Amino acid sequence: MALPANDDPSDDIYLRNDCIYHHKRMYFHFTTYDVKRGTDLINPGTSRHNIMLLDDGTTGHRFMYARVLGVYHANVVYTGQDTLDYEPRRLDFLWVRWYEVINPDSSGWDGLDFVYFPPVEEIDAFGFVDPNDVLRGCHIVPDFASGKRREDGAGLSGLAKDSEDYNRYYICRCVSLLYYAIFKQKADS
């Protein structure tokens, strides 16, 4: 009797030596607004741990934001259909905790964007990101006036550091005054 075919592609993926490698930091290169080269350093152990990505169509906002909890790579062998060979390929990935935008419709140049962390119990609170999808690092500041989510300091996850969560955060952006004046002038005319 033949076994039924399994169409799950994850059954065809193997980690070489069953290892995943952890890194302390990652660099992201980007083009600045004045067409120069810029670099962002992401280090999950410091305050430079937030990233932004283009929206994948699920949030209704222009961008998605995440806190990087870990930087990893694995040497992966794919054995499924259309495989070229059985050579391992390096796969870099980030383990992240997602921020959720409070009001996606209110984003724009005239107002601030606010985000918060969904509870760690939710299934979509964490995820994995391909570093190639990251636009750049971003600066996300707690709204201290809104207070901490857990006043007792008790959290569920030491890795996610949810005991330090605030009720909401500001997305900081730096806009040149000259650029803003030109943008505003075009919008008014």
Protein backbone atom coordinates (compact mmCIF):
# COMPACT_ATOMS: atom_id res chain seq x y z
CA MET A 1 0.00 0.00 0.00
CA ALA A 2 1.40 3.38 -1.01
CA LEU A 3 1.61 6.19 1.50
CA PRO A 4 -0.28 9.38 0.63
CA ALA A 5 1.82 12.16 -0.84
CA ASN A 6 2.56 15.02 1.52
CA ASP A 7 2.46 18.44 -0.13
CA ASP A 8 3.99 20.30 2.83
CA PRO A 9 7.23 21.88 1.51
CA SER A 10 8.72 22.09 5.00
CA ASP A 11 9.12 18.30 4.92
CA ASP A 12 11.75 18.82 2.20
CA ILE A 13 13.94 21.24 4.17
CA TYR A 14 16.87 20.06 6.28
CA LEU A 15 19.32 21.99 8.43
CA ARG A 16 22.93 21.03 7.82
CA ASN A 17 24.32 19.47 11.03
CA ASP A 18 20.99 20.37 12.72
CA CYS A 19 22.42 23.79 13.61
CA ILE A 20 21.09 27.33 13.71
CA TYR A 21 23.71 30.00 14.31
CA HIS A 22 23.09 33.07 16.47
CA HIS A 23 24.64 36.49 15.72
CA LYS A 24 24.89 39.53 17.99
CA ARG A 25 24.21 42.16 15.32
CA MET A 26 23.33 42.84 11.70
CA TYR A 27 24.01 45.77 9.40
CA PHE A 28 21.52 47.16 6.91
CA HIS A 29 22.72 49.37 4.07
CA PHE A 30 20.37 51.88 2.45
CA THR A 31 20.37 54.95 0.25
CA THR A 32 19.78 58.20 2.10
CA TYR A 33 17.51 61.00 0.91
CA ASP A 34 20.50 62.93 -0.46
CA VAL A 35 21.56 59.82 -2.45
CA LYS A 36 24.39 58.81 -0.17
CA ARG A 37 25.04 55.48 1.45
CA GLY A 38 23.80 54.93 4.99
CA THR A 39 24.13 52.01 7.37
CA ASP A 40 21.96 50.95 10.29
CA LEU A 41 23.23 48.63 12.99
CA ILE A 42 20.66 46.32 14.59
CA ASN A 43 21.67 44.76 17.89
CA PRO A 44 18.94 42.97 19.89
CA GLY A 45 20.88 43.48 23.12
CA THR A 46 20.78 47.29 22.91
CA SER A 47 18.20 50.00 22.23
CA ARG A 48 19.01 49.77 18.48
CA HIS A 49 16.70 46.83 17.84
CA ASN A 50 13.73 48.18 15.85
CA ILE A 51 13.20 47.75 12.11
CA MET A 52 10.66 48.83 9.51
CA LEU A 53 9.39 46.95 6.48
CA LEU A 54 6.96 47.70 3.71
CA ASP A 55 3.42 46.61 4.48
CA ASP A 56 2.57 43.17 3.12
CA GLY A 57 -1.09 44.13 2.72
CA THR A 58 -2.23 42.92 6.13
CA THR A 59 -2.00 46.07 8.27
CA GLY A 60 -3.57 48.80 6.12
CA HIS A 61 -0.58 51.03 6.87
CA ARG A 62 2.40 51.93 4.70
CA PHE A 63 4.91 50.19 6.94
CA MET A 64 5.23 47.36 9.43
CA TYR A 65 7.41 47.71 12.51
CA ALA A 66 9.15 45.06 14.60
CA ARG A 67 11.59 44.66 17.48
CA VAL A 68 14.40 42.26 16.60
CA LEU A 69 14.81 39.62 19.30
CA GLY A 70 17.47 37.58 17.52
CA VAL A 71 19.67 37.45 14.41
CA TYR A 72 20.30 33.98 13.00
CA HIS A 73 21.43 31.97 10.01
CA ALA A 74 21.18 28.32 9.04
CA ASN A 75 22.68 26.25 6.25
CA VAL A 76 19.63 24.75 4.55
CA VAL A 77 19.34 21.85 2.12
CA TYR A 78 16.19 21.62 0.00
CA THR A 79 15.32 18.13 -1.31
CA GLY A 80 11.89 18.74 -2.85
CA GLN A 81 10.75 19.00 -6.45
CA ASP A 82 12.73 21.23 -8.79
CA THR A 83 15.85 20.93 -6.63
CA LEU A 84 19.07 21.68 -8.49
CA ASP A 85 21.43 19.89 -6.12
CA TYR A 86 21.77 18.91 -2.50
CA GLU A 87 24.22 21.66 -1.59
CA PRO A 88 23.46 23.69 1.53
CA ARG A 89 22.51 27.35 1.06
CA ARG A 90 22.86 30.01 3.74
CA LEU A 91 19.53 31.36 4.99
CA ASP A 92 19.64 34.49 7.15
CA PHE A 93 16.59 35.37 9.25
CA LEU A 94 15.48 37.61 12.10
CA TRP A 95 13.25 36.57 14.97
CA VAL A 96 10.97 39.54 15.71
CA ARG A 97 8.19 40.74 17.93
CA TRP A 98 5.67 42.71 15.90
CA TYR A 99 4.40 46.16 16.73
CA GLU A 100 0.81 46.88 15.75
CA VAL A 101 -0.22 50.30 14.42
CA ILE A 102 -2.95 51.82 16.58
CA ASN A 103 -4.76 53.75 13.83
CA PRO A 104 -3.51 52.91 10.31
CA ASP A 105 -5.76 55.56 8.70
CA SER A 106 -4.23 58.45 10.64
CA SER A 107 -0.68 58.01 9.39
CA GLY A 108 0.88 60.72 7.32
CA TRP A 109 3.16 63.71 7.46
CA ASP A 110 0.77 65.79 9.56
CA GLY A 111 0.49 63.41 12.51
CA LEU A 112 2.44 60.93 14.58
CA ASP A 113 2.13 57.21 14.19
CA PHE A 114 1.48 55.25 17.38
CA VAL A 115 2.16 51.54 17.82
CA TYR A 116 1.84 49.02 20.63
CA PHE A 117 2.83 45.43 21.26
CA PRO A 118 0.03 42.88 21.03
CA PRO A 119 -0.01 40.49 24.03
CA VAL A 120 2.61 37.74 23.80
CA GLU A 121 -0.17 35.14 24.03
CA GLU A 122 -1.44 36.06 20.55
CA ILE A 123 -0.33 33.75 17.78
CA ASP A 124 0.87 36.58 15.50
CA ALA A 125 2.82 38.48 18.17
CA PHE A 126 6.12 36.96 16.94
CA GLY A 127 7.48 36.03 13.55
CA PHE A 128 10.47 35.58 11.29
CA VAL A 129 11.71 38.11 8.75
CA ASP A 130 14.03 37.83 5.78
CA PRO A 131 16.70 40.54 6.26
CA ASN A 132 16.32 41.42 2.56
CA ASP A 133 12.80 42.70 3.33
CA VAL A 134 14.01 45.20 5.94
CA LEU A 135 13.96 48.82 4.75
CA ARG A 136 16.10 50.11 7.59
CA GLY A 137 16.32 50.47 11.33
CA CYS A 138 13.91 52.87 13.01
CA HIS A 139 13.65 54.75 16.25
CA ILE A 140 10.59 53.89 18.33
CA VAL A 141 10.15 55.79 21.59
CA PRO A 142 7.87 54.84 24.49
CA ASP A 143 4.99 57.17 25.26
CA PHE A 144 5.95 57.58 28.90
CA ALA A 145 2.75 59.50 29.69
CA SER A 146 0.61 56.49 28.73
CA GLY A 147 2.37 54.36 31.37
CA LYS A 148 3.62 50.80 31.43
CA ARG A 149 1.36 47.94 30.53
CA ARG A 150 2.36 45.93 33.60
CA GLU A 151 2.89 48.12 36.65
CA ASP A 152 3.98 45.11 38.72
CA GLY A 153 6.86 44.40 36.29
CA ALA A 154 5.82 40.78 35.79
CA GLY A 155 5.99 39.52 32.24
CA LEU A 156 5.49 36.19 30.55
CA SER A 157 8.65 36.11 28.42
CA GLY A 158 12.15 37.10 29.43
CA LEU A 159 13.28 36.91 25.79
CA ALA A 160 10.53 39.24 24.60
CA LYS A 161 11.04 41.53 27.63
CA ASP A 162 7.30 42.08 27.83
CA SER A 163 7.60 43.14 31.47
CA GLU A 164 9.02 46.45 30.17
CA ASP A 165 6.22 47.15 27.66
CA TYR A 166 4.54 50.55 27.55
CA ASN A 167 0.92 51.04 26.51
CA ARG A 168 1.99 52.74 23.30
CA TYR A 169 5.03 54.00 21.41
CA TYR A 170 5.82 56.83 18.99
CA ILE A 171 7.34 56.22 15.58
CA CYS A 172 10.04 58.86 15.18
CA ARG A 173 10.90 60.17 11.76
CA CYS A 174 13.34 62.78 10.65
CA VAL A 175 12.22 65.03 7.81
CA SER A 176 14.31 67.79 6.36
CA LEU A 177 12.57 71.15 6.80
CA LEU A 178 13.38 72.01 3.18
CA TYR A 179 11.81 68.77 1.97
CA TYR A 180 8.75 69.32 4.19
CA ALA A 181 8.34 72.90 2.89
CA ILE A 182 8.47 71.70 -0.74
CA PHE A 183 6.06 68.83 0.01
CA LYS A 184 3.66 71.15 1.86
CA GLN A 185 3.80 73.76 -0.93
CA LYS A 186 2.92 71.13 -3.56
CA ALA A 187 0.10 69.78 -1.40
CA ASP A 188 -1.38 73.27 -0.89
CA SER A 189 -1.34 74.14 -4.61
